[in-house]
Amino acid sequence: MDSIDAPPKPRQKASPKRTRSQAKITDTQTPLQARVAINAYYKAEARGFLPGYELQDWLAAEEEEAQR
């Protein structure tokens, strides 16, 4: 008897990568928190997203927002 091959499974689409304008902002954040999050993201991006500096980036972003 000939064996019947099952049809190939469809490939799952990869989720798109976020761009600068697509930084994750939630509905529960205040406008200040959103600005701080975006600013901290840009700081991390400028460093190449090296781990271990998340708190430093966040605190620096908060300080910059407080000075505005």
PDB file of N, CA and C in Angstrom:
ATOM      1  N   MET A   1       0.830  -1.191   0.000  1.00  0.00           N
ATOM      2  CA  MET A   1       0.000   0.000   0.000  1.00  0.00           C
ATOM      3  C   MET A   1       0.867   1.245   0.000  1.00  0.00           C
ATOM      4  N   ASP A   2       0.390   2.237  -0.690  1.00  0.00           N
ATOM      5  CA  ASP A   2       1.079   3.521  -0.706  1.00  0.00           C
ATOM      6  C   ASP A   2       0.711   4.301   0.546  1.00  0.00           C
ATOM      7  N   SER A   3       1.698   4.949   1.138  1.00  0.00           N
ATOM      8  CA  SER A   3       1.385   5.783   2.304  1.00  0.00           C
ATOM      9  C   SER A   3       1.016   7.178   1.815  1.00  0.00           C
ATOM     10  N   ILE A   4       0.062   7.735   2.466  1.00  0.00           N
ATOM     11  CA  ILE A   4      -0.392   9.083   2.119  1.00  0.00           C
ATOM     12  C   ILE A   4       0.224  10.053   3.114  1.00  0.00           C
ATOM     13  N   ASP A   5       0.946  10.995   2.574  1.00  0.00           N
ATOM     14  CA  ASP A   5       1.564  12.006   3.446  1.00  0.00           C
ATOM     15  C   ASP A   5       0.523  13.028   3.847  1.00  0.00           C
ATOM     16  N   ALA A   6       0.576  13.407   5.102  1.00  0.00           N
ATOM     17  CA  ALA A   6      -0.318  14.458   5.581  1.00  0.00           C
ATOM     18  C   ALA A   6       0.112  15.778   4.963  1.00  0.00           C
ATOM     19  N   PRO A   7      -0.829  16.669   4.691  1.00  0.00           N
ATOM     20  CA  PRO A   7      -0.444  17.966   4.121  1.00  0.00           C
ATOM     21  C   PRO A   7       0.427  18.728   5.111  1.00  0.00           C
ATOM     22  N   PRO A   8       1.336  19.527   4.584  1.00  0.00           N
ATOM     23  CA  PRO A   8       2.198  20.290   5.505  1.00  0.00           C
ATOM     24  C   PRO A   8       1.378  21.276   6.324  1.00  0.00           C
ATOM     25  N   LYS A   9       1.838  21.470   7.546  1.00  0.00           N
ATOM     26  CA  LYS A   9       1.166  22.428   8.421  1.00  0.00           C
ATOM     27  C   LYS A   9       1.469  23.844   7.937  1.00  0.00           C
ATOM     28  N   PRO A  10       0.477  24.726   8.016  1.00  0.00           N
ATOM     29  CA  PRO A  10       0.743  26.115   7.590  1.00  0.00           C
ATOM     30  C   PRO A  10       1.733  26.767   8.548  1.00  0.00           C
ATOM     31  N   ARG A  11       2.579  27.620   7.996  1.00  0.00           N
ATOM     32  CA  ARG A  11       3.561  28.322   8.814  1.00  0.00           C
ATOM     33  C   ARG A  11       2.873  29.428   9.599  1.00  0.00           C
ATOM     34  N   GLN A  12       3.290  29.562  10.841  1.00  0.00           N
ATOM     35  CA  GLN A  12       2.750  30.652  11.651  1.00  0.00           C
ATOM     36  C   GLN A  12       3.484  31.933  11.288  1.00  0.00           C
ATOM     37  N   LYS A  13       2.720  32.982  11.208  1.00  0.00           N
ATOM     38  CA  LYS A  13       3.320  34.281  10.904  1.00  0.00           C
ATOM     39  C   LYS A  13       4.056  34.791  12.132  1.00  0.00           C
ATOM     40  N   ALA A  14       5.227  35.304  11.911  1.00  0.00           N
ATOM     41  CA  ALA A  14       5.991  35.899  13.010  1.00  0.00           C
ATOM     42  C   ALA A  14       5.330  37.202  13.410  1.00  0.00           C
ATOM     43  N   SER A  15       5.315  37.461  14.698  1.00  0.00           N
ATOM     44  CA  SER A  15       4.739  38.726  15.142  1.00  0.00           C
ATOM     45  C   SER A  15       5.669  39.860  14.730  1.00  0.00           C
ATOM     46  N   PRO A  16       5.105  40.963  14.286  1.00  0.00           N
ATOM     47  CA  PRO A  16       5.949  42.076  13.836  1.00  0.00           C
ATOM     48  C   PRO A  16       6.724  42.682  15.000  1.00  0.00           C
ATOM     49  N   LYS A  17       7.919  43.134  14.709  1.00  0.00           N
ATOM     50  CA  LYS A  17       8.718  43.798  15.742  1.00  0.00           C
ATOM     51  C   LYS A  17       8.171  45.189  15.963  1.00  0.00           C
ATOM     52  N   ARG A  18       8.292  45.649  17.188  1.00  0.00           N
ATOM     53  CA  ARG A  18       7.820  46.996  17.508  1.00  0.00           C
ATOM     54  C   ARG A  18       8.804  48.021  16.987  1.00  0.00           C
ATOM     55  N   THR A  19       8.265  49.109  16.536  1.00  0.00           N
ATOM     56  CA  THR A  19       9.100  50.223  16.109  1.00  0.00           C
ATOM     57  C   THR A  19       9.071  51.268  17.217  1.00  0.00           C
ATOM     58  N   ARG A  20       9.794  52.328  17.022  1.00  0.00           N
ATOM     59  CA  ARG A  20       9.836  53.376  18.052  1.00  0.00           C
ATOM     60  C   ARG A  20       8.452  53.875  18.426  1.00  0.00           C
ATOM     61  N   SER A  21       7.609  54.048  17.439  1.00  0.00           N
ATOM     62  CA  SER A  21       6.280  54.591  17.720  1.00  0.00           C
ATOM     63  C   SER A  21       5.345  53.544  18.312  1.00  0.00           C
ATOM     64  N   GLN A  22       5.791  52.285  18.396  1.00  0.00           N
ATOM     65  CA  GLN A  22       4.935  51.227  18.893  1.00  0.00           C
ATOM     66  C   GLN A  22       5.364  50.749  20.278  1.00  0.00           C
ATOM     67  N   ALA A  23       6.048  51.571  21.037  1.00  0.00           N
ATOM     68  CA  ALA A  23       6.416  51.186  22.387  1.00  0.00           C
ATOM     69  C   ALA A  23       5.143  50.839  23.152  1.00  0.00           C
ATOM     70  N   LYS A  24       5.202  49.796  23.951  1.00  0.00           N
ATOM     71  CA  LYS A  24       3.996  49.305  24.612  1.00  0.00           C
ATOM     72  C   LYS A  24       3.528  50.279  25.687  1.00  0.00           C
ATOM     73  N   ILE A  25       2.370  50.830  25.477  1.00  0.00           N
ATOM     74  CA  ILE A  25       1.736  51.748  26.416  1.00  0.00           C
ATOM     75  C   ILE A  25       0.393  51.138  26.782  1.00  0.00           C
ATOM     76  N   THR A  26       0.115  51.040  28.067  1.00  0.00           N
ATOM     77  CA  THR A  26      -1.146  50.440  28.494  1.00  0.00           C
ATOM     78  C   THR A  26      -2.170  51.523  28.798  1.00  0.00           C
ATOM     79  N   ASP A  27      -3.426  51.101  28.858  1.00  0.00           N
ATOM     80  CA  ASP A  27      -4.514  52.038  29.134  1.00  0.00           C
ATOM     81  C   ASP A  27      -4.492  52.551  30.570  1.00  0.00           C
ATOM     82  N   THR A  28      -3.801  51.851  31.466  1.00  0.00           N
ATOM     83  CA  THR A  28      -3.806  52.249  32.871  1.00  0.00           C
ATOM     84  C   THR A  28      -2.683  53.228  33.216  1.00  0.00           C
ATOM     85  N   GLN A  29      -1.803  53.503  32.264  1.00  0.00           N
ATOM     86  CA  GLN A  29      -0.709  54.430  32.530  1.00  0.00           C
ATOM     87  C   GLN A  29      -1.193  55.869  32.420  1.00  0.00           C
ATOM     88  N   THR A  30      -0.620  56.710  33.250  1.00  0.00           N
ATOM     89  CA  THR A  30      -0.878  58.135  33.140  1.00  0.00           C
ATOM     90  C   THR A  30      -0.014  58.671  31.995  1.00  0.00           C
ATOM     91  N   PRO A  31      -0.343  59.853  31.483  1.00  0.00           N
ATOM     92  CA  PRO A  31       0.510  60.431  30.435  1.00  0.00           C
ATOM     93  C   PRO A  31       1.966  60.586  30.885  1.00  0.00           C
ATOM     94  N   LEU A  32       2.193  60.915  32.147  1.00  0.00           N
ATOM     95  CA  LEU A  32       3.558  61.045  32.660  1.00  0.00           C
ATOM     96  C   LEU A  32       4.266  59.696  32.616  1.00  0.00           C
ATOM     97  N   GLN A  33       3.610  58.645  33.077  1.00  0.00           N
ATOM     98  CA  GLN A  33       4.221  57.313  33.057  1.00  0.00           C
ATOM     99  C   GLN A  33       4.536  56.877  31.629  1.00  0.00           C
ATOM    100  N   ALA A  34       3.656  57.201  30.711  1.00  0.00           N
ATOM    101  CA  ALA A  34       3.881  56.841  29.308  1.00  0.00           C
ATOM    102  C   ALA A  34       5.107  57.566  28.766  1.00  0.00           C
ATOM    103  N   ARG A  35       5.243  58.864  29.075  1.00  0.00           N
ATOM    104  CA  ARG A  35       6.404  59.618  28.605  1.00  0.00           C
ATOM    105  C   ARG A  35       7.697  59.073  29.207  1.00  0.00           C
ATOM    106  N   VAL A  36       7.653  58.722  30.499  1.00  0.00           N
ATOM    107  CA  VAL A  36       8.828  58.159  31.163  1.00  0.00           C
ATOM    108  C   VAL A  36       9.199  56.824  30.519  1.00  0.00           C
ATOM    109  N   ALA A  37       8.205  55.981  30.262  1.00  0.00           N
ATOM    110  CA  ALA A  37       8.462  54.673  29.653  1.00  0.00           C
ATOM    111  C   ALA A  37       9.098  54.821  28.277  1.00  0.00           C
ATOM    112  N   ILE A  38       8.596  55.739  27.488  1.00  0.00           N
ATOM    113  CA  ILE A  38       9.147  55.947  26.144  1.00  0.00           C
ATOM    114  C   ILE A  38      10.566  56.499  26.236  1.00  0.00           C
ATOM    115  N   ASN A  39      10.780  57.449  27.129  1.00  0.00           N
ATOM    116  CA  ASN A  39      12.113  58.028  27.309  1.00  0.00           C
ATOM    117  C   ASN A  39      13.098  56.952  27.779  1.00  0.00           C
ATOM    118  N   ALA A  40      12.692  56.113  28.718  1.00  0.00           N
ATOM    119  CA  ALA A  40      13.561  55.037  29.211  1.00  0.00           C
ATOM    120  C   ALA A  40      13.863  54.045  28.093  1.00  0.00           C
ATOM    121  N   TYR A  41      12.883  53.775  27.253  1.00  0.00           N
ATOM    122  CA  TYR A  41      13.093  52.878  26.115  1.00  0.00           C
ATOM    123  C   TYR A  41      14.159  53.438  25.185  1.00  0.00           C
ATOM    124  N   TYR A  42      14.080  54.730  24.884  1.00  0.00           N
ATOM    125  CA  TYR A  42      15.075  55.338  23.998  1.00  0.00           C
ATOM    126  C   TYR A  42      16.469  55.283  24.617  1.00  0.00           C
ATOM    127  N   LYS A  43      16.559  55.446  25.921  1.00  0.00           N
ATOM    128  CA  LYS A  43      17.852  55.347  26.594  1.00  0.00           C
ATOM    129  C   LYS A  43      18.416  53.933  26.455  1.00  0.00           C
ATOM    130  N   ALA A  44      17.567  52.929  26.654  1.00  0.00           N
ATOM    131  CA  ALA A  44      18.003  51.542  26.513  1.00  0.00           C
ATOM    132  C   ALA A  44      18.410  51.249  25.070  1.00  0.00           C
ATOM    133  N   GLU A  45      17.649  51.775  24.140  1.00  0.00           N
ATOM    134  CA  GLU A  45      17.954  51.565  22.719  1.00  0.00           C
ATOM    135  C   GLU A  45      19.323  52.163  22.376  1.00  0.00           C
ATOM    136  N   ALA A  46      19.616  53.342  22.901  1.00  0.00           N
ATOM    137  CA  ALA A  46      20.889  54.006  22.626  1.00  0.00           C
ATOM    138  C   ALA A  46      22.067  53.185  23.141  1.00  0.00           C
ATOM    139  N   ARG A  47      21.867  52.383  24.189  1.00  0.00           N
ATOM    140  CA  ARG A  47      22.907  51.520  24.750  1.00  0.00           C
ATOM    141  C   ARG A  47      22.942  50.154  24.082  1.00  0.00           C
ATOM    142  N   GLY A  48      22.041  49.914  23.142  1.00  0.00           N
ATOM    143  CA  GLY A  48      21.985  48.602  22.512  1.00  0.00           C
ATOM    144  C   GLY A  48      21.252  47.577  23.365  1.00  0.00           C
ATOM    145  N   PHE A  49      20.393  48.037  24.269  1.00  0.00           N
ATOM    146  CA  PHE A  49      19.590  47.196  25.145  1.00  0.00           C
ATOM    147  C   PHE A  49      20.443  46.265  26.022  1.00  0.00           C
ATOM    148  N   LEU A  50      21.606  46.751  26.440  1.00  0.00           N
ATOM    149  CA  LEU A  50      22.428  45.956  27.346  1.00  0.00           C
ATOM    150  C   LEU A  50      21.671  45.756  28.657  1.00  0.00           C
ATOM    151  N   PRO A  51      21.634  44.541  29.178  1.00  0.00           N
ATOM    152  CA  PRO A  51      20.895  44.290  30.416  1.00  0.00           C
ATOM    153  C   PRO A  51      21.601  44.886  31.630  1.00  0.00           C
ATOM    154  N   GLY A  52      20.806  45.152  32.655  1.00  0.00           N
ATOM    155  CA  GLY A  52      21.350  45.629  33.921  1.00  0.00           C
ATOM    156  C   GLY A  52      21.227  47.125  34.147  1.00  0.00           C
ATOM    157  N   TYR A  53      20.701  47.842  33.178  1.00  0.00           N
ATOM    158  CA  TYR A  53      20.596  49.289  33.296  1.00  0.00           C
ATOM    159  C   TYR A  53      19.147  49.776  33.299  1.00  0.00           C
ATOM    160  N   GLU A  54      18.207  48.875  33.452  1.00  0.00           N
ATOM    161  CA  GLU A  54      16.791  49.231  33.357  1.00  0.00           C
ATOM    162  C   GLU A  54      16.382  50.282  34.385  1.00  0.00           C
ATOM    163  N   LEU A  55      16.769  50.069  35.633  1.00  0.00           N
ATOM    164  CA  LEU A  55      16.409  51.017  36.690  1.00  0.00           C
ATOM    165  C   LEU A  55      17.091  52.361  36.459  1.00  0.00           C
ATOM    166  N   GLN A  56      18.351  52.329  36.078  1.00  0.00           N
ATOM    167  CA  GLN A  56      19.081  53.572  35.793  1.00  0.00           C
ATOM    168  C   GLN A  56      18.389  54.349  34.679  1.00  0.00           C
ATOM    169  N   ASP A  57      17.969  53.661  33.623  1.00  0.00           N
ATOM    170  CA  ASP A  57      17.274  54.322  32.518  1.00  0.00           C
ATOM    171  C   ASP A  57      15.962  54.928  32.988  1.00  0.00           C
ATOM    172  N   TRP A  58      15.220  54.171  33.787  1.00  0.00           N
ATOM    173  CA  TRP A  58      13.918  54.642  34.257  1.00  0.00           C
ATOM    174  C   TRP A  58      14.075  55.875  35.146  1.00  0.00           C
ATOM    175  N   LEU A  59      15.012  55.806  36.096  1.00  0.00           N
ATOM    176  CA  LEU A  59      15.211  56.929  37.012  1.00  0.00           C
ATOM    177  C   LEU A  59      15.700  58.177  36.274  1.00  0.00           C
ATOM    178  N   ALA A  60      16.562  57.998  35.292  1.00  0.00           N
ATOM    179  CA  ALA A  60      17.033  59.137  34.499  1.00  0.00           C
ATOM    180  C   ALA A  60      15.876  59.734  33.695  1.00  0.00           C
ATOM    181  N   ALA A  61      15.013  58.885  33.169  1.00  0.00           N
ATOM    182  CA  ALA A  61      13.854  59.373  32.411  1.00  0.00           C
ATOM    183  C   ALA A  61      12.894  60.129  33.329  1.00  0.00           C
ATOM    184  N   GLU A  62      12.689  59.623  34.542  1.00  0.00           N
ATOM    185  CA  GLU A  62      11.835  60.331  35.512  1.00  0.00           C
ATOM    186  C   GLU A  62      12.409  61.689  35.850  1.00  0.00           C
ATOM    187  N   GLU A  63      13.721  61.746  36.058  1.00  0.00           N
ATOM    188  CA  GLU A  63      14.380  63.000  36.403  1.00  0.00           C
ATOM    189  C   GLU A  63      14.218  64.023  35.274  1.00  0.00           C
ATOM    190  N   GLU A  64      14.382  63.558  34.039  1.00  0.00           N
ATOM    191  CA  GLU A  64      14.227  64.462  32.899  1.00  0.00           C
ATOM    192  C   GLU A  64      12.798  64.978  32.794  1.00  0.00           C
ATOM    193  N   GLU A  65      11.826  64.136  33.049  1.00  0.00           N
ATOM    194  CA  GLU A  65      10.418  64.570  33.001  1.00  0.00           C
ATOM    195  C   GLU A  65      10.114  65.540  34.132  1.00  0.00           C
ATOM    196  N   ALA A  66      10.717  65.347  35.289  1.00  0.00           N
ATOM    197  CA  ALA A  66      10.492  66.240  36.427  1.00  0.00           C
ATOM    198  C   ALA A  66      11.048  67.634  36.162  1.00  0.00           C
ATOM    199  N   GLN A  67      12.082  67.714  35.334  1.00  0.00           N
ATOM    200  CA  GLN A  67      12.706  69.002  35.028  1.00  0.00           C
ATOM    201  C   GLN A  67      11.949  69.764  33.938  1.00  0.00           C
ATOM    202  N   ARG A  68      10.997  69.145  33.288  1.00  0.00           N
ATOM    203  CA  ARG A  68      10.235  69.828  32.223  1.00  0.00           C
ATOM    204  C   ARG A  68       9.204  70.756  32.787  1.00  0.00           C
TER     205      ARG A  68
END
